[in-house]
Amino acid sequence: MSLFNVAGDQRTSSRVQEKFLDMEHGRYGNNPFGTLGDSGRNVLALNVLLLGDRQSGRSSVGNALIGGEDFQTGACVSDVSVTTDYQRRSRNFQRYFRRQGAESDLTLRVVDTPPAAVPRPQSGVQELCPEGVHVLVLIVRADRPHGDTHLEEQVETLFGPEWRRHALLVLTYADWLKEAGLHQSVYLTQASDWLRALAEEVEGGVFFLDNSCDWPSIRGRPLRDRLLRLSASNHHRALTVRTSHFGL
């Protein structure tokens, strides 16, 4: 996976997107496709897990994905606002893509997690995503590139080495790059060793989001499209928590 697989470089047409979504899925099990009531439209339901350090922007990324302001930041600890419990929000996007020539809905179930230091995170993930997790969104602040250097280790503890095929790296507060006069690709070449390595490892590449007041509505669609392509490349298979690793 190239470091330079950033949002602006991927302008996938609906025809190419449909090709991804037409992949045969049934033989892989854990089928997330269903049918919507009397309309007969196909619905693809994806579980998305947000992971990152304190103040990384997880709730903001969740709001961008669902196109609203449903994710709320929790209590303040030492004047720092912290999400204190698991939150899951869902939204159905009607006629979001075409699959096998037919219009299909996309339902996202987005789970925001407390900071990674919270003990026994696997319990919350299992409860809110019993079917597993289709896409992992790893969130790091662009203006704090030396932040959660243990993020990769924590994700592997939860899901094992297969997590890389299901992961996307989102760099928040990307408006800081403009203030610093840095292009996205230049920023990545100058990033810390652990962040460069993480960007190379994740199959979904790197996506930049800024903090401007309108970014959830403007940047949400490209981010959802990226998640959809990543899940399709894995035939919409879901990762499950390594319960045996925790003795559960």
C-alpha atoms as a PDB file:
ATOM      1  CA  MET A   1       0.000   0.000   0.000  1.00  0.00           C
ATOM      2  CA  SER A   2       1.471   3.325  -1.057  1.00  0.00           C
ATOM      3  CA  LEU A   3       1.949   6.196   1.349  1.00  0.00           C
ATOM      4  CA  PHE A   4       0.425   8.473  -1.240  1.00  0.00           C
ATOM      5  CA  ASN A   5      -2.951   6.737  -1.440  1.00  0.00           C
ATOM      6  CA  VAL A   6      -4.693   9.876  -0.166  1.00  0.00           C
ATOM      7  CA  ALA A   7      -8.286  10.960  -0.644  1.00  0.00           C
ATOM      8  CA  GLY A   8      -7.744  13.266  -3.582  1.00  0.00           C
ATOM      9  CA  ASP A   9      -6.024  10.551  -5.621  1.00  0.00           C
ATOM     10  CA  GLN A  10      -9.037   8.229  -5.696  1.00  0.00           C
ATOM     11  CA  ARG A  11     -11.878   9.299  -7.971  1.00  0.00           C
ATOM     12  CA  THR A  12     -13.521   5.927  -8.532  1.00  0.00           C
ATOM     13  CA  SER A  13     -16.396   5.989 -10.990  1.00  0.00           C
ATOM     14  CA  SER A  14     -19.722   4.384 -10.159  1.00  0.00           C
ATOM     15  CA  ARG A  15     -18.977   1.748 -12.801  1.00  0.00           C
ATOM     16  CA  VAL A  16     -15.744   0.720 -11.100  1.00  0.00           C
ATOM     17  CA  GLN A  17     -17.447   0.821  -7.698  1.00  0.00           C
ATOM     18  CA  GLU A  18     -20.163  -1.468  -8.999  1.00  0.00           C
ATOM     19  CA  LYS A  19     -17.508  -3.888 -10.248  1.00  0.00           C
ATOM     20  CA  PHE A  20     -16.123  -4.137  -6.719  1.00  0.00           C
ATOM     21  CA  LEU A  21     -19.565  -4.680  -5.242  1.00  0.00           C
ATOM     22  CA  ASP A  22     -20.478  -7.371  -7.756  1.00  0.00           C
ATOM     23  CA  MET A  23     -17.876  -9.727  -6.278  1.00  0.00           C
ATOM     24  CA  GLU A  24     -19.387 -13.038  -5.245  1.00  0.00           C
ATOM     25  CA  HIS A  25     -19.806 -12.962  -1.505  1.00  0.00           C
ATOM     26  CA  GLY A  26     -21.883 -15.902  -0.389  1.00  0.00           C
ATOM     27  CA  ARG A  27     -19.045 -18.420  -0.419  1.00  0.00           C
ATOM     28  CA  TYR A  28     -17.151 -16.348   2.131  1.00  0.00           C
ATOM     29  CA  GLY A  29     -19.894 -16.460   4.780  1.00  0.00           C
ATOM     30  CA  ASN A  30     -20.991 -13.740   7.182  1.00  0.00           C
ATOM     31  CA  ASN A  31     -23.086 -12.139   4.457  1.00  0.00           C
ATOM     32  CA  PRO A  32     -23.953  -8.516   5.360  1.00  0.00           C
ATOM     33  CA  PHE A  33     -26.447  -8.096   2.495  1.00  0.00           C
ATOM     34  CA  GLY A  34     -30.174  -8.060   3.160  1.00  0.00           C
ATOM     35  CA  THR A  35     -33.416  -6.790   1.638  1.00  0.00           C
ATOM     36  CA  LEU A  36     -35.248  -3.637   2.672  1.00  0.00           C
ATOM     37  CA  GLY A  37     -38.909  -4.311   3.459  1.00  0.00           C
ATOM     38  CA  ASP A  38     -41.439  -4.036   0.648  1.00  0.00           C
ATOM     39  CA  SER A  39     -39.090  -2.030  -1.559  1.00  0.00           C
ATOM     40  CA  GLY A  40     -37.029  -5.096  -2.381  1.00  0.00           C
ATOM     41  CA  ARG A  41     -33.832  -3.042  -2.452  1.00  0.00           C
ATOM     42  CA  ASN A  42     -30.632  -4.671  -1.336  1.00  0.00           C
ATOM     43  CA  VAL A  43     -29.073  -3.299   1.843  1.00  0.00           C
ATOM     44  CA  LEU A  44     -25.409  -3.646   2.736  1.00  0.00           C
ATOM     45  CA  ALA A  45     -24.829  -3.265   6.491  1.00  0.00           C
ATOM     46  CA  LEU A  46     -21.248  -2.590   7.560  1.00  0.00           C
ATOM     47  CA  ASN A  47     -19.861  -2.387  11.087  1.00  0.00           C
ATOM     48  CA  VAL A  48     -17.176   0.287  11.427  1.00  0.00           C
ATOM     49  CA  LEU A  49     -14.937   0.587  14.497  1.00  0.00           C
ATOM     50  CA  LEU A  50     -13.179   3.863  15.345  1.00  0.00           C
ATOM     51  CA  LEU A  51      -9.890   3.545  17.233  1.00  0.00           C
ATOM     52  CA  GLY A  52      -7.566   6.276  18.423  1.00  0.00           C
ATOM     53  CA  ASP A  53      -6.069   8.142  21.350  1.00  0.00           C
ATOM     54  CA  ARG A  54      -7.668  10.877  23.462  1.00  0.00           C
ATOM     55  CA  GLN A  55      -8.591  13.976  21.475  1.00  0.00           C
ATOM     56  CA  SER A  56      -7.745  12.242  18.196  1.00  0.00           C
ATOM     57  CA  GLY A  57     -11.091  13.197  16.653  1.00  0.00           C
ATOM     58  CA  ARG A  58     -12.868   9.831  16.756  1.00  0.00           C
ATOM     59  CA  SER A  59     -16.300  11.344  17.444  1.00  0.00           C
ATOM     60  CA  SER A  60     -15.809  13.857  14.648  1.00  0.00           C
ATOM     61  CA  VAL A  61     -14.902  11.117  12.184  1.00  0.00           C
ATOM     62  CA  GLY A  62     -17.985   9.197  13.292  1.00  0.00           C
ATOM     63  CA  ASN A  63     -20.139  12.243  12.639  1.00  0.00           C
ATOM     64  CA  ALA A  64     -18.611  12.615   9.189  1.00  0.00           C
ATOM     65  CA  LEU A  65     -19.410   8.997   8.364  1.00  0.00           C
ATOM     66  CA  ILE A  66     -23.059   9.184   9.392  1.00  0.00           C
ATOM     67  CA  GLY A  67     -23.520  12.752   8.180  1.00  0.00           C
ATOM     68  CA  GLY A  68     -24.717  14.223  11.454  1.00  0.00           C
ATOM     69  CA  GLU A  69     -23.780  15.303  14.959  1.00  0.00           C
ATOM     70  CA  ASP A  70     -24.928  12.202  16.826  1.00  0.00           C
ATOM     71  CA  PHE A  71     -21.593  11.323  18.381  1.00  0.00           C
ATOM     72  CA  GLN A  72     -21.027  13.329  21.529  1.00  0.00           C
ATOM     73  CA  THR A  73     -17.778  13.811  23.390  1.00  0.00           C
ATOM     74  CA  GLY A  74     -17.955  12.740  27.019  1.00  0.00           C
ATOM     75  CA  ALA A  75     -16.639  14.116  30.298  1.00  0.00           C
ATOM     76  CA  CYS A  76     -13.610  16.330  30.764  1.00  0.00           C
ATOM     77  CA  VAL A  77     -10.513  14.956  32.483  1.00  0.00           C
ATOM     78  CA  SER A  78      -7.929  17.599  33.358  1.00  0.00           C
ATOM     79  CA  ASP A  79      -9.732  19.995  31.010  1.00  0.00           C
ATOM     80  CA  VAL A  80      -9.471  17.465  28.167  1.00  0.00           C
ATOM     81  CA  SER A  81     -12.732  16.194  26.708  1.00  0.00           C
ATOM     82  CA  VAL A  82     -12.780  12.397  26.630  1.00  0.00           C
ATOM     83  CA  THR A  83     -15.247   9.812  25.325  1.00  0.00           C
ATOM     84  CA  THR A  84     -15.937   7.671  28.389  1.00  0.00           C
ATOM     85  CA  ASP A  85     -18.093   4.874  26.990  1.00  0.00           C
ATOM     86  CA  TYR A  86     -18.764   2.993  23.790  1.00  0.00           C
ATOM     87  CA  GLN A  87     -21.191   4.702  21.442  1.00  0.00           C
ATOM     88  CA  ARG A  88     -22.852   3.186  18.389  1.00  0.00           C
ATOM     89  CA  ARG A  89     -24.759   5.214  15.844  1.00  0.00           C
ATOM     90  CA  SER A  90     -26.352   3.953  12.644  1.00  0.00           C
ATOM     91  CA  ARG A  91     -27.607   5.517   9.464  1.00  0.00           C
ATOM     92  CA  ASN A  92     -29.072   4.140   6.273  1.00  0.00           C
ATOM     93  CA  PHE A  93     -28.099   5.840   3.008  1.00  0.00           C
ATOM     94  CA  GLN A  94     -30.754   5.081   0.419  1.00  0.00           C
ATOM     95  CA  ARG A  95     -29.740   4.073  -3.110  1.00  0.00           C
ATOM     96  CA  TYR A  96     -26.101   4.695  -2.246  1.00  0.00           C
ATOM     97  CA  PHE A  97     -24.552   2.381  -4.857  1.00  0.00           C
ATOM     98  CA  ARG A  98     -25.425  -0.117  -7.536  1.00  0.00           C
ATOM     99  CA  ARG A  99     -24.842  -3.834  -7.162  1.00  0.00           C
ATOM    100  CA  GLN A 100     -25.475  -6.304  -9.955  1.00  0.00           C
ATOM    101  CA  GLY A 101     -27.311  -3.573 -11.829  1.00  0.00           C
ATOM    102  CA  ALA A 102     -29.702  -2.740  -8.985  1.00  0.00           C
ATOM    103  CA  GLU A 103     -29.807   0.185  -6.588  1.00  0.00           C
ATOM    104  CA  SER A 104     -28.693  -0.734  -3.088  1.00  0.00           C
ATOM    105  CA  ASP A 105     -28.761   0.992   0.290  1.00  0.00           C
ATOM    106  CA  LEU A 106     -25.759   1.332   2.553  1.00  0.00           C
ATOM    107  CA  THR A 107     -26.247   1.064   6.318  1.00  0.00           C
ATOM    108  CA  LEU A 108     -23.308   2.082   8.476  1.00  0.00           C
ATOM    109  CA  ARG A 109     -23.118   1.051  12.121  1.00  0.00           C
ATOM    110  CA  VAL A 110     -20.312   3.159  13.516  1.00  0.00           C
ATOM    111  CA  VAL A 111     -18.842   2.413  16.944  1.00  0.00           C
ATOM    112  CA  ASP A 112     -16.805   5.058  18.758  1.00  0.00           C
ATOM    113  CA  THR A 113     -14.552   3.663  21.462  1.00  0.00           C
ATOM    114  CA  PRO A 114     -13.149   5.082  24.687  1.00  0.00           C
ATOM    115  CA  PRO A 115      -9.393   5.758  24.669  1.00  0.00           C
ATOM    116  CA  ALA A 116      -7.357   2.654  23.982  1.00  0.00           C
ATOM    117  CA  ALA A 117      -6.152   2.503  27.582  1.00  0.00           C
ATOM    118  CA  VAL A 118      -9.620   1.436  28.791  1.00  0.00           C
ATOM    119  CA  PRO A 119      -9.325  -2.172  30.065  1.00  0.00           C
ATOM    120  CA  ARG A 120     -10.950  -5.143  28.306  1.00  0.00           C
ATOM    121  CA  PRO A 121     -11.980  -3.310  25.123  1.00  0.00           C
ATOM    122  CA  GLN A 122     -12.943  -6.603  23.493  1.00  0.00           C
ATOM    123  CA  SER A 123     -16.107  -6.813  25.630  1.00  0.00           C
ATOM    124  CA  GLY A 124     -17.551  -3.579  24.255  1.00  0.00           C
ATOM    125  CA  VAL A 125     -16.659  -4.466  20.672  1.00  0.00           C
ATOM    126  CA  GLN A 126     -18.309  -7.882  20.928  1.00  0.00           C
ATOM    127  CA  GLU A 127     -21.455  -6.445  22.447  1.00  0.00           C
ATOM    128  CA  LEU A 128     -21.946  -3.736  19.819  1.00  0.00           C
ATOM    129  CA  CYS A 129     -20.615  -5.697  16.827  1.00  0.00           C
ATOM    130  CA  PRO A 130     -21.591  -9.341  17.434  1.00  0.00           C
ATOM    131  CA  GLU A 131     -21.295 -10.034  13.689  1.00  0.00           C
ATOM    132  CA  GLY A 132     -17.740  -8.692  13.670  1.00  0.00           C
ATOM    133  CA  VAL A 133     -16.127  -5.550  12.277  1.00  0.00           C
ATOM    134  CA  HIS A 134     -15.914  -4.913   8.533  1.00  0.00           C
ATOM    135  CA  VAL A 135     -13.734  -1.789   8.590  1.00  0.00           C
ATOM    136  CA  LEU A 136     -11.280  -0.487  11.190  1.00  0.00           C
ATOM    137  CA  VAL A 137     -10.704   3.268  11.123  1.00  0.00           C
ATOM    138  CA  LEU A 138      -7.468   4.205  12.885  1.00  0.00           C
ATOM    139  CA  ILE A 139      -7.474   7.890  13.805  1.00  0.00           C
ATOM    140  CA  VAL A 140      -4.412  10.055  14.426  1.00  0.00           C
ATOM    141  CA  ARG A 141      -4.147  13.830  14.637  1.00  0.00           C
ATOM    142  CA  ALA A 142      -2.048  15.298  11.849  1.00  0.00           C
ATOM    143  CA  ASP A 143      -0.742  17.961  14.220  1.00  0.00           C
ATOM    144  CA  ARG A 144       0.310  15.318  16.763  1.00  0.00           C
ATOM    145  CA  PRO A 145       2.098  12.674  14.681  1.00  0.00           C
ATOM    146  CA  HIS A 146       3.975  11.304  17.699  1.00  0.00           C
ATOM    147  CA  GLY A 147       0.776  10.437  19.560  1.00  0.00           C
ATOM    148  CA  ASP A 148      -0.511   6.892  20.052  1.00  0.00           C
ATOM    149  CA  THR A 149       2.517   4.839  19.032  1.00  0.00           C
ATOM    150  CA  HIS A 150       0.945   1.727  20.612  1.00  0.00           C
ATOM    151  CA  LEU A 151      -2.149   1.826  18.392  1.00  0.00           C
ATOM    152  CA  GLU A 152      -0.944  -0.932  16.067  1.00  0.00           C
ATOM    153  CA  GLU A 153      -0.132  -3.249  18.962  1.00  0.00           C
ATOM    154  CA  GLN A 154      -3.548  -2.681  20.516  1.00  0.00           C
ATOM    155  CA  VAL A 155      -5.383  -3.420  17.268  1.00  0.00           C
ATOM    156  CA  GLU A 156      -3.408  -6.610  16.693  1.00  0.00           C
ATOM    157  CA  THR A 157      -4.184  -7.752  20.227  1.00  0.00           C
ATOM    158  CA  LEU A 158      -7.893  -7.370  19.459  1.00  0.00           C
ATOM    159  CA  PHE A 159      -8.047  -8.811  15.946  1.00  0.00           C
ATOM    160  CA  GLY A 160      -4.770 -10.539  15.090  1.00  0.00           C
ATOM    161  CA  PRO A 161      -2.565  -9.819  12.048  1.00  0.00           C
ATOM    162  CA  GLU A 162      -5.491  -9.885   9.606  1.00  0.00           C
ATOM    163  CA  TRP A 163      -6.554  -6.403  10.801  1.00  0.00           C
ATOM    164  CA  ARG A 164      -4.302  -4.706   8.233  1.00  0.00           C
ATOM    165  CA  ARG A 165      -6.510  -5.841   5.342  1.00  0.00           C
ATOM    166  CA  HIS A 166      -9.526  -4.161   6.951  1.00  0.00           C
ATOM    167  CA  ALA A 167      -7.925  -0.924   8.151  1.00  0.00           C
ATOM    168  CA  LEU A 168      -7.916   2.688   6.991  1.00  0.00           C
ATOM    169  CA  LEU A 169      -5.826   5.471   8.529  1.00  0.00           C
ATOM    170  CA  VAL A 170      -7.573   8.829   8.969  1.00  0.00           C
ATOM    171  CA  LEU A 171      -5.461  11.877   9.816  1.00  0.00           C
ATOM    172  CA  THR A 172      -7.653  14.506  11.456  1.00  0.00           C
ATOM    173  CA  TYR A 173      -6.978  18.226  11.951  1.00  0.00           C
ATOM    174  CA  ALA A 174      -5.563  18.288   8.442  1.00  0.00           C
ATOM    175  CA  ASP A 175      -6.208  22.036   8.266  1.00  0.00           C
ATOM    176  CA  TRP A 176      -2.996  22.264  10.291  1.00  0.00           C
ATOM    177  CA  LEU A 177      -1.105  21.182   7.159  1.00  0.00           C
ATOM    178  CA  LYS A 178      -2.320  24.257   5.295  1.00  0.00           C
ATOM    179  CA  GLU A 179      -1.243  26.499   8.139  1.00  0.00           C
ATOM    180  CA  ALA A 180       2.176  24.829   8.141  1.00  0.00           C
ATOM    181  CA  GLY A 181       2.448  25.066   4.353  1.00  0.00           C
ATOM    182  CA  LEU A 182       2.721  21.286   3.901  1.00  0.00           C
ATOM    183  CA  HIS A 183       1.216  19.207   1.109  1.00  0.00           C
ATOM    184  CA  GLN A 184      -0.312  15.916   2.206  1.00  0.00           C
ATOM    185  CA  SER A 185       2.251  13.773   0.390  1.00  0.00           C
ATOM    186  CA  VAL A 186       5.126  15.860   1.771  1.00  0.00           C
ATOM    187  CA  TYR A 187       3.726  15.538   5.276  1.00  0.00           C
ATOM    188  CA  LEU A 188       3.742  11.753   5.025  1.00  0.00           C
ATOM    189  CA  THR A 189       7.366  11.614   3.939  1.00  0.00           C
ATOM    190  CA  GLN A 190       8.315  13.755   6.937  1.00  0.00           C
ATOM    191  CA  ALA A 191       6.135  11.930   9.463  1.00  0.00           C
ATOM    192  CA  SER A 192       7.521   9.869  12.320  1.00  0.00           C
ATOM    193  CA  ASP A 193       8.752   6.356  11.583  1.00  0.00           C
ATOM    194  CA  TRP A 194       5.809   4.653  13.281  1.00  0.00           C
ATOM    195  CA  LEU A 195       3.232   6.745  11.413  1.00  0.00           C
ATOM    196  CA  ARG A 196       4.902   6.125   8.036  1.00  0.00           C
ATOM    197  CA  ALA A 197       5.009   2.410   8.775  1.00  0.00           C
ATOM    198  CA  LEU A 198       1.342   2.409   9.773  1.00  0.00           C
ATOM    199  CA  ALA A 199       0.378   4.265   6.595  1.00  0.00           C
ATOM    200  CA  GLU A 200       2.205   1.656   4.522  1.00  0.00           C
ATOM    201  CA  GLU A 201       0.620  -1.278   6.328  1.00  0.00           C
ATOM    202  CA  VAL A 202      -3.076  -0.441   6.179  1.00  0.00           C
ATOM    203  CA  GLU A 203      -4.845  -1.711   3.083  1.00  0.00           C
ATOM    204  CA  GLY A 204      -7.258   1.226   2.925  1.00  0.00           C
ATOM    205  CA  GLY A 205      -4.525   3.859   2.686  1.00  0.00           C
ATOM    206  CA  VAL A 206      -4.569   7.324   4.230  1.00  0.00           C
ATOM    207  CA  PHE A 207      -7.434   9.805   4.311  1.00  0.00           C
ATOM    208  CA  PHE A 208      -7.104  13.431   5.462  1.00  0.00           C
ATOM    209  CA  LEU A 209      -9.895  15.309   7.251  1.00  0.00           C
ATOM    210  CA  ASP A 210      -9.784  18.867   8.535  1.00  0.00           C
ATOM    211  CA  ASN A 211     -11.660  20.635  11.304  1.00  0.00           C
ATOM    212  CA  SER A 212     -13.552  23.295   9.377  1.00  0.00           C
ATOM    213  CA  CYS A 213     -17.180  23.713  10.402  1.00  0.00           C
ATOM    214  CA  ASP A 214     -18.561  22.162   7.210  1.00  0.00           C
ATOM    215  CA  TRP A 215     -16.202  19.231   6.872  1.00  0.00           C
ATOM    216  CA  PRO A 216     -18.573  16.487   8.123  1.00  0.00           C
ATOM    217  CA  SER A 217     -21.023  17.066   5.287  1.00  0.00           C
ATOM    218  CA  ILE A 218     -18.426  17.785   2.613  1.00  0.00           C
ATOM    219  CA  ARG A 219     -15.896  15.086   3.439  1.00  0.00           C
ATOM    220  CA  GLY A 220     -18.299  12.405   4.610  1.00  0.00           C
ATOM    221  CA  ARG A 221     -19.153  11.009   1.174  1.00  0.00           C
ATOM    222  CA  PRO A 222     -15.537  10.447   0.029  1.00  0.00           C
ATOM    223  CA  LEU A 223     -14.760   8.764   3.331  1.00  0.00           C
ATOM    224  CA  ARG A 224     -17.809   6.497   3.077  1.00  0.00           C
ATOM    225  CA  ASP A 225     -16.816   5.610  -0.476  1.00  0.00           C
ATOM    226  CA  ARG A 226     -13.342   4.680   0.708  1.00  0.00           C
ATOM    227  CA  LEU A 227     -14.780   2.408   3.407  1.00  0.00           C
ATOM    228  CA  LEU A 228     -17.115   0.788   0.910  1.00  0.00           C
ATOM    229  CA  ARG A 229     -14.272  -0.002  -1.507  1.00  0.00           C
ATOM    230  CA  LEU A 230     -12.113  -1.386   1.282  1.00  0.00           C
ATOM    231  CA  SER A 231     -14.872  -3.671   2.535  1.00  0.00           C
ATOM    232  CA  ALA A 232     -15.614  -4.833  -1.018  1.00  0.00           C
ATOM    233  CA  SER A 233     -11.953  -5.718  -1.540  1.00  0.00           C
ATOM    234  CA  ASN A 234     -12.360  -8.087   1.428  1.00  0.00           C
ATOM    235  CA  HIS A 235     -15.617  -9.495   0.001  1.00  0.00           C
ATOM    236  CA  HIS A 236     -17.368  -7.826   2.965  1.00  0.00           C
ATOM    237  CA  ARG A 237     -15.964 -10.366   5.396  1.00  0.00           C
ATOM    238  CA  ALA A 238     -15.875  -9.243   9.024  1.00  0.00           C
ATOM    239  CA  LEU A 239     -13.108  -9.450  11.605  1.00  0.00           C
ATOM    240  CA  THR A 240     -13.968 -10.996  14.946  1.00  0.00           C
ATOM    241  CA  VAL A 241     -12.385 -10.288  18.310  1.00  0.00           C
ATOM    242  CA  ARG A 242      -9.802 -12.810  19.453  1.00  0.00           C
ATOM    243  CA  THR A 243     -11.732 -14.004  22.498  1.00  0.00           C
ATOM    244  CA  SER A 244      -9.402 -16.942  23.108  1.00  0.00           C
ATOM    245  CA  HIS A 245      -6.529 -14.491  23.473  1.00  0.00           C
ATOM    246  CA  PHE A 246      -8.335 -12.900  26.410  1.00  0.00           C
ATOM    247  CA  GLY A 247      -9.466 -16.161  27.949  1.00  0.00           C
ATOM    248  CA  LEU A 248     -13.166 -15.401  27.356  1.00  0.00           C
END
